[in-house]
Amino acid sequence: MVISTKDFCINGLTYAVRSAVIKDAKDLSELRLQIDGETENLDRERGEAFIDVTGFEQIITTDTVSPRNLFLVAVAHNRIVGFSRCEGTYLKRFSHKVEVGVCVLKDFWGYGTVAPLVKTFF
C-alpha cells in the first residue's frame, strides 16, 4: 500500500511521512542497524536479524503492492530519521490483525515523530 506524503511541524521540527521507495533501501539498512544500537526497547540488539539492502528492497516491493502492508519513513533535514511498518496477514480468520513496528533515531525522540507514523495506519 502507498500513501501520499504528509508534512508535519511538531515541537519545532519539520518533517514528512511518506511511503518507503526502493531508493530508500540502503539508508534503511544502515538506519535500522544504528537504531538497534541506540535503545534496549526493541526486540533485537545491534546486528541481530540484520536486513541488507536487497532485503529492504524486497520488503519495500512487497509492501508497495500489498493492500495489507504499509511501510512508512519519516524524513527530516533531507534524511530518513525513522520508519514504521505495518504487516497484515492473508489468513481470513486473522485479517483483523496486524503487526506494527516503529523505529526513530534517538536524536529525534521527543519531537512527536512516532504519533504520525502510527496514526497513518489507523
N, C-alpha and C. Protein backbone atom coordinates (compact mmCIF):
# COMPACT_ATOMS: atom_id res chain seq x y z
N MET A 1 0.84 -1.17 0.00
CA MET A 1 0.00 0.00 0.00
C MET A 1 0.89 1.24 0.00
N VAL A 2 0.45 2.26 -0.68
CA VAL A 2 1.20 3.51 -0.79
C VAL A 2 0.30 4.65 -0.33
N ILE A 3 0.88 5.59 0.42
CA ILE A 3 0.13 6.77 0.86
C ILE A 3 0.76 8.02 0.24
N SER A 4 0.02 9.10 0.26
CA SER A 4 0.55 10.39 -0.15
C SER A 4 1.43 10.94 0.97
N THR A 5 2.42 11.72 0.61
CA THR A 5 3.30 12.34 1.60
C THR A 5 2.51 13.31 2.46
N LYS A 6 2.79 13.26 3.77
CA LYS A 6 2.14 14.17 4.71
C LYS A 6 3.24 14.93 5.46
N ASP A 7 3.10 16.25 5.51
CA ASP A 7 4.08 17.09 6.19
C ASP A 7 3.60 17.44 7.59
N PHE A 8 4.56 17.53 8.51
CA PHE A 8 4.27 17.85 9.90
C PHE A 8 5.26 18.88 10.41
N CYS A 9 4.83 19.69 11.35
CA CYS A 9 5.71 20.59 12.08
C CYS A 9 5.28 20.50 13.54
N ILE A 10 6.05 19.75 14.30
CA ILE A 10 5.70 19.48 15.70
C ILE A 10 6.93 19.74 16.56
N ASN A 11 6.73 20.47 17.64
CA ASN A 11 7.81 20.77 18.59
C ASN A 11 9.03 21.36 17.90
N GLY A 12 8.82 22.19 16.90
CA GLY A 12 9.92 22.87 16.23
C GLY A 12 10.62 22.06 15.16
N LEU A 13 10.16 20.86 14.88
CA LEU A 13 10.77 20.03 13.85
C LEU A 13 9.80 19.88 12.67
N THR A 14 10.28 20.19 11.48
CA THR A 14 9.50 19.98 10.28
C THR A 14 9.97 18.68 9.63
N TYR A 15 9.03 17.79 9.35
CA TYR A 15 9.39 16.53 8.72
C TYR A 15 8.21 16.02 7.90
N ALA A 16 8.49 15.05 7.06
CA ALA A 16 7.46 14.45 6.21
C ALA A 16 7.38 12.96 6.50
N VAL A 17 6.19 12.42 6.39
CA VAL A 17 5.97 10.98 6.46
C VAL A 17 5.48 10.56 5.08
N ARG A 18 6.14 9.56 4.51
CA ARG A 18 5.79 9.08 3.18
C ARG A 18 6.03 7.59 3.10
N SER A 19 5.52 6.99 2.05
CA SER A 19 5.78 5.57 1.80
C SER A 19 7.24 5.37 1.43
N ALA A 20 7.79 4.25 1.87
CA ALA A 20 9.16 3.89 1.51
C ALA A 20 9.22 3.57 0.02
N VAL A 21 10.34 3.91 -0.61
CA VAL A 21 10.58 3.60 -2.01
C VAL A 21 11.91 2.85 -2.12
N ILE A 22 12.10 2.17 -3.23
CA ILE A 22 13.27 1.32 -3.43
C ILE A 22 14.58 2.05 -3.13
N LYS A 23 14.69 3.31 -3.54
CA LYS A 23 15.96 4.03 -3.33
C LYS A 23 16.25 4.27 -1.85
N ASP A 24 15.28 4.01 -0.95
CA ASP A 24 15.50 4.14 0.50
C ASP A 24 16.20 2.93 1.10
N ALA A 25 16.31 1.85 0.37
CA ALA A 25 16.77 0.57 0.94
C ALA A 25 18.14 0.67 1.63
N LYS A 26 19.10 1.31 1.01
CA LYS A 26 20.44 1.42 1.61
C LYS A 26 20.38 2.20 2.91
N ASP A 27 19.70 3.34 2.88
CA ASP A 27 19.57 4.16 4.08
C ASP A 27 18.84 3.41 5.19
N LEU A 28 17.80 2.66 4.83
CA LEU A 28 17.03 1.92 5.83
C LEU A 28 17.87 0.82 6.48
N SER A 29 18.70 0.14 5.70
CA SER A 29 19.55 -0.90 6.24
C SER A 29 20.52 -0.32 7.27
N GLU A 30 21.12 0.80 6.94
CA GLU A 30 22.06 1.47 7.85
C GLU A 30 21.33 2.04 9.07
N LEU A 31 20.18 2.65 8.83
CA LEU A 31 19.41 3.27 9.90
C LEU A 31 18.94 2.24 10.92
N ARG A 32 18.44 1.12 10.45
CA ARG A 32 17.95 0.07 11.35
C ARG A 32 19.07 -0.43 12.25
N LEU A 33 20.24 -0.62 11.68
CA LEU A 33 21.39 -1.06 12.47
C LEU A 33 21.73 -0.04 13.54
N GLN A 34 21.72 1.24 13.18
CA GLN A 34 22.02 2.30 14.14
C GLN A 34 20.97 2.35 15.25
N ILE A 35 19.71 2.32 14.87
CA ILE A 35 18.63 2.41 15.86
C ILE A 35 18.68 1.24 16.83
N ASP A 36 18.95 0.05 16.31
CA ASP A 36 19.03 -1.13 17.18
C ASP A 36 20.09 -0.96 18.27
N GLY A 37 21.13 -0.19 17.99
CA GLY A 37 22.19 0.03 18.98
C GLY A 37 21.92 1.20 19.91
N GLU A 38 20.84 1.96 19.67
CA GLU A 38 20.56 3.15 20.47
C GLU A 38 19.59 2.92 21.62
N THR A 39 18.94 1.78 21.64
CA THR A 39 17.93 1.55 22.67
C THR A 39 17.85 0.07 23.03
N GLU A 40 17.38 -0.18 24.24
CA GLU A 40 17.10 -1.54 24.67
C GLU A 40 15.60 -1.82 24.59
N ASN A 41 14.85 -0.88 24.01
CA ASN A 41 13.39 -1.01 23.94
C ASN A 41 12.91 -1.80 22.72
N LEU A 42 13.82 -2.23 21.87
CA LEU A 42 13.45 -3.04 20.71
C LEU A 42 13.72 -4.50 21.00
N ASP A 43 13.21 -5.37 20.15
CA ASP A 43 13.34 -6.81 20.39
C ASP A 43 14.68 -7.39 19.98
N ARG A 44 15.56 -6.60 19.43
CA ARG A 44 16.84 -7.13 18.97
C ARG A 44 17.98 -6.18 19.36
N GLU A 45 19.16 -6.76 19.44
CA GLU A 45 20.35 -5.96 19.70
C GLU A 45 20.98 -5.58 18.37
N ARG A 46 21.90 -4.64 18.41
CA ARG A 46 22.57 -4.18 17.20
C ARG A 46 23.16 -5.37 16.43
N GLY A 47 22.80 -5.48 15.16
CA GLY A 47 23.33 -6.53 14.31
C GLY A 47 22.49 -7.79 14.25
N GLU A 48 21.59 -7.98 15.21
CA GLU A 48 20.73 -9.17 15.18
C GLU A 48 19.68 -9.01 14.10
N ALA A 49 19.37 -10.08 13.41
CA ALA A 49 18.35 -10.07 12.35
C ALA A 49 18.62 -8.96 11.35
N PHE A 50 19.88 -8.79 10.98
CA PHE A 50 20.30 -7.74 10.05
C PHE A 50 19.58 -7.89 8.72
N ILE A 51 19.11 -6.77 8.16
CA ILE A 51 18.49 -6.76 6.84
C ILE A 51 19.37 -5.92 5.93
N ASP A 52 19.88 -6.55 4.88
CA ASP A 52 20.75 -5.82 3.94
C ASP A 52 19.91 -5.05 2.93
N VAL A 53 20.59 -4.37 2.02
CA VAL A 53 19.91 -3.54 1.03
C VAL A 53 18.92 -4.36 0.20
N THR A 54 19.35 -5.52 -0.26
CA THR A 54 18.47 -6.37 -1.06
C THR A 54 17.24 -6.79 -0.26
N GLY A 55 17.43 -7.09 1.02
CA GLY A 55 16.31 -7.46 1.88
C GLY A 55 15.29 -6.33 2.00
N PHE A 56 15.79 -5.10 2.18
CA PHE A 56 14.87 -3.96 2.26
C PHE A 56 14.19 -3.70 0.92
N GLU A 57 14.91 -3.90 -0.18
CA GLU A 57 14.28 -3.73 -1.49
C GLU A 57 13.11 -4.69 -1.65
N GLN A 58 13.29 -5.93 -1.20
CA GLN A 58 12.23 -6.93 -1.31
C GLN A 58 11.04 -6.57 -0.43
N ILE A 59 11.32 -6.10 0.80
CA ILE A 59 10.24 -5.71 1.71
C ILE A 59 9.46 -4.54 1.14
N ILE A 60 10.16 -3.53 0.64
CA ILE A 60 9.50 -2.35 0.07
C ILE A 60 8.64 -2.74 -1.13
N THR A 61 9.18 -3.60 -1.99
CA THR A 61 8.42 -4.05 -3.16
C THR A 61 7.15 -4.78 -2.74
N THR A 62 7.27 -5.68 -1.80
CA THR A 62 6.11 -6.44 -1.31
C THR A 62 5.08 -5.51 -0.68
N ASP A 63 5.56 -4.60 0.18
CA ASP A 63 4.63 -3.71 0.89
C ASP A 63 3.96 -2.70 -0.03
N THR A 64 4.62 -2.34 -1.11
CA THR A 64 4.04 -1.39 -2.06
C THR A 64 2.83 -1.97 -2.77
N VAL A 65 2.88 -3.24 -3.11
CA VAL A 65 1.78 -3.86 -3.85
C VAL A 65 0.74 -4.51 -2.94
N SER A 66 1.08 -4.76 -1.70
CA SER A 66 0.16 -5.43 -0.79
C SER A 66 -0.86 -4.46 -0.20
N PRO A 67 -2.14 -4.77 -0.28
CA PRO A 67 -3.15 -3.90 0.33
C PRO A 67 -3.19 -4.03 1.86
N ARG A 68 -2.47 -5.00 2.40
CA ARG A 68 -2.47 -5.23 3.85
C ARG A 68 -1.18 -4.78 4.54
N ASN A 69 -0.23 -4.28 3.77
CA ASN A 69 1.04 -3.85 4.34
C ASN A 69 1.26 -2.37 4.03
N LEU A 70 2.01 -1.71 4.92
CA LEU A 70 2.35 -0.31 4.72
C LEU A 70 3.71 -0.06 5.34
N PHE A 71 4.62 0.50 4.57
CA PHE A 71 5.98 0.81 5.03
C PHE A 71 6.19 2.31 4.88
N LEU A 72 6.35 3.00 6.01
CA LEU A 72 6.50 4.45 6.01
C LEU A 72 7.87 4.87 6.49
N VAL A 73 8.32 6.01 6.02
CA VAL A 73 9.56 6.62 6.52
C VAL A 73 9.25 8.05 6.97
N ALA A 74 9.99 8.50 7.96
CA ALA A 74 9.93 9.90 8.41
C ALA A 74 11.21 10.57 7.92
N VAL A 75 11.06 11.68 7.22
CA VAL A 75 12.19 12.38 6.62
C VAL A 75 12.30 13.78 7.22
N ALA A 76 13.45 14.09 7.79
CA ALA A 76 13.74 15.42 8.33
C ALA A 76 15.14 15.81 7.89
N HIS A 77 15.33 17.06 7.59
CA HIS A 77 16.65 17.56 7.16
C HIS A 77 17.19 16.74 5.99
N ASN A 78 16.30 16.34 5.08
CA ASN A 78 16.65 15.59 3.86
C ASN A 78 17.26 14.22 4.12
N ARG A 79 16.90 13.61 5.26
CA ARG A 79 17.36 12.24 5.52
C ARG A 79 16.29 11.49 6.29
N ILE A 80 16.31 10.18 6.17
CA ILE A 80 15.35 9.34 6.89
C ILE A 80 15.79 9.28 8.35
N VAL A 81 14.86 9.63 9.24
CA VAL A 81 15.18 9.64 10.68
C VAL A 81 14.37 8.60 11.44
N GLY A 82 13.45 7.93 10.75
CA GLY A 82 12.66 6.90 11.38
C GLY A 82 11.84 6.17 10.34
N PHE A 83 11.29 5.04 10.75
CA PHE A 83 10.43 4.29 9.85
C PHE A 83 9.45 3.46 10.64
N SER A 84 8.40 3.06 9.97
CA SER A 84 7.37 2.25 10.59
C SER A 84 6.82 1.30 9.54
N ARG A 85 6.45 0.13 10.00
CA ARG A 85 5.94 -0.87 9.07
C ARG A 85 4.74 -1.56 9.70
N CYS A 86 3.72 -1.74 8.89
CA CYS A 86 2.52 -2.46 9.30
C CYS A 86 2.39 -3.65 8.36
N GLU A 87 2.31 -4.84 8.93
CA GLU A 87 2.22 -6.05 8.12
C GLU A 87 0.98 -6.84 8.52
N GLY A 88 0.11 -7.03 7.56
CA GLY A 88 -1.10 -7.81 7.78
C GLY A 88 -0.91 -9.25 7.34
N THR A 89 -1.98 -10.01 7.42
CA THR A 89 -1.92 -11.41 7.02
C THR A 89 -3.03 -11.69 5.99
N TYR A 90 -2.82 -12.71 5.20
CA TYR A 90 -3.83 -13.09 4.21
C TYR A 90 -4.78 -14.16 4.73
N LEU A 91 -4.58 -14.61 5.96
CA LEU A 91 -5.49 -15.58 6.55
C LEU A 91 -6.79 -14.87 6.91
N LYS A 92 -7.89 -15.36 6.40
CA LYS A 92 -9.17 -14.69 6.60
C LYS A 92 -9.53 -14.56 8.08
N ARG A 93 -9.25 -15.57 8.85
CA ARG A 93 -9.63 -15.53 10.27
C ARG A 93 -8.78 -14.55 11.07
N PHE A 94 -7.67 -14.14 10.51
CA PHE A 94 -6.80 -13.17 11.19
C PHE A 94 -6.68 -11.86 10.43
N SER A 95 -7.59 -11.62 9.50
CA SER A 95 -7.50 -10.42 8.67
C SER A 95 -7.69 -9.13 9.47
N HIS A 96 -8.16 -9.24 10.71
CA HIS A 96 -8.34 -8.07 11.57
C HIS A 96 -7.07 -7.74 12.36
N LYS A 97 -6.04 -8.56 12.22
CA LYS A 97 -4.81 -8.37 12.98
C LYS A 97 -3.69 -7.85 12.09
N VAL A 98 -2.82 -7.02 12.68
CA VAL A 98 -1.61 -6.56 12.01
C VAL A 98 -0.48 -6.49 13.02
N GLU A 99 0.72 -6.51 12.53
CA GLU A 99 1.90 -6.29 13.37
C GLU A 99 2.48 -4.95 12.97
N VAL A 100 2.73 -4.09 13.96
CA VAL A 100 3.24 -2.75 13.71
C VAL A 100 4.55 -2.57 14.45
N GLY A 101 5.53 -2.00 13.76
CA GLY A 101 6.80 -1.66 14.38
C GLY A 101 7.17 -0.23 14.05
N VAL A 102 7.80 0.46 14.99
CA VAL A 102 8.20 1.85 14.81
C VAL A 102 9.62 2.01 15.33
N CYS A 103 10.47 2.66 14.54
CA CYS A 103 11.84 2.94 14.94
C CYS A 103 12.17 4.39 14.60
N VAL A 104 12.75 5.11 15.56
CA VAL A 104 13.13 6.51 15.35
C VAL A 104 14.52 6.72 15.95
N LEU A 105 15.37 7.42 15.21
CA LEU A 105 16.70 7.75 15.74
C LEU A 105 16.58 8.47 17.07
N LYS A 106 17.46 8.15 17.98
CA LYS A 106 17.40 8.72 19.33
C LYS A 106 17.45 10.25 19.29
N ASP A 107 18.19 10.84 18.37
CA ASP A 107 18.27 12.30 18.26
C ASP A 107 16.93 12.93 17.95
N PHE A 108 15.95 12.13 17.49
CA PHE A 108 14.65 12.66 17.11
C PHE A 108 13.54 12.21 18.05
N TRP A 109 13.91 11.61 19.18
CA TRP A 109 12.92 11.28 20.20
C TRP A 109 12.40 12.60 20.80
N GLY A 110 11.14 12.63 21.15
CA GLY A 110 10.56 13.80 21.81
C GLY A 110 10.01 14.85 20.86
N TYR A 111 10.13 14.63 19.57
CA TYR A 111 9.60 15.58 18.59
C TYR A 111 8.22 15.21 18.08
N GLY A 112 7.71 14.09 18.50
CA GLY A 112 6.39 13.68 18.04
C GLY A 112 6.41 12.95 16.71
N THR A 113 7.55 12.38 16.34
CA THR A 113 7.62 11.68 15.06
C THR A 113 6.89 10.34 15.08
N VAL A 114 6.76 9.73 16.24
CA VAL A 114 6.13 8.42 16.32
C VAL A 114 4.63 8.51 16.07
N ALA A 115 3.96 9.46 16.67
CA ALA A 115 2.49 9.55 16.56
C ALA A 115 2.01 9.61 15.11
N PRO A 116 2.56 10.49 14.25
CA PRO A 116 2.09 10.50 12.86
C PRO A 116 2.39 9.20 12.13
N LEU A 117 3.52 8.56 12.44
CA LEU A 117 3.83 7.29 11.80
C LEU A 117 2.77 6.25 12.13
N VAL A 118 2.36 6.20 13.38
CA VAL A 118 1.36 5.20 13.81
C VAL A 118 -0.05 5.61 13.39
N LYS A 119 -0.39 6.88 13.54
CA LYS A 119 -1.74 7.34 13.21
C LYS A 119 -2.07 7.12 11.74
N THR A 120 -1.07 7.11 10.89
CA THR A 120 -1.30 6.90 9.47
C THR A 120 -1.90 5.52 9.22
N PHE A 121 -1.58 4.57 10.09
CA PHE A 121 -2.11 3.21 9.92
C PHE A 121 -3.60 3.13 10.27
N PHE A 122 -4.01 3.93 11.23
CA PHE A 122 -5.35 3.75 11.80
C PHE A 122 -6.21 4.90 11.52
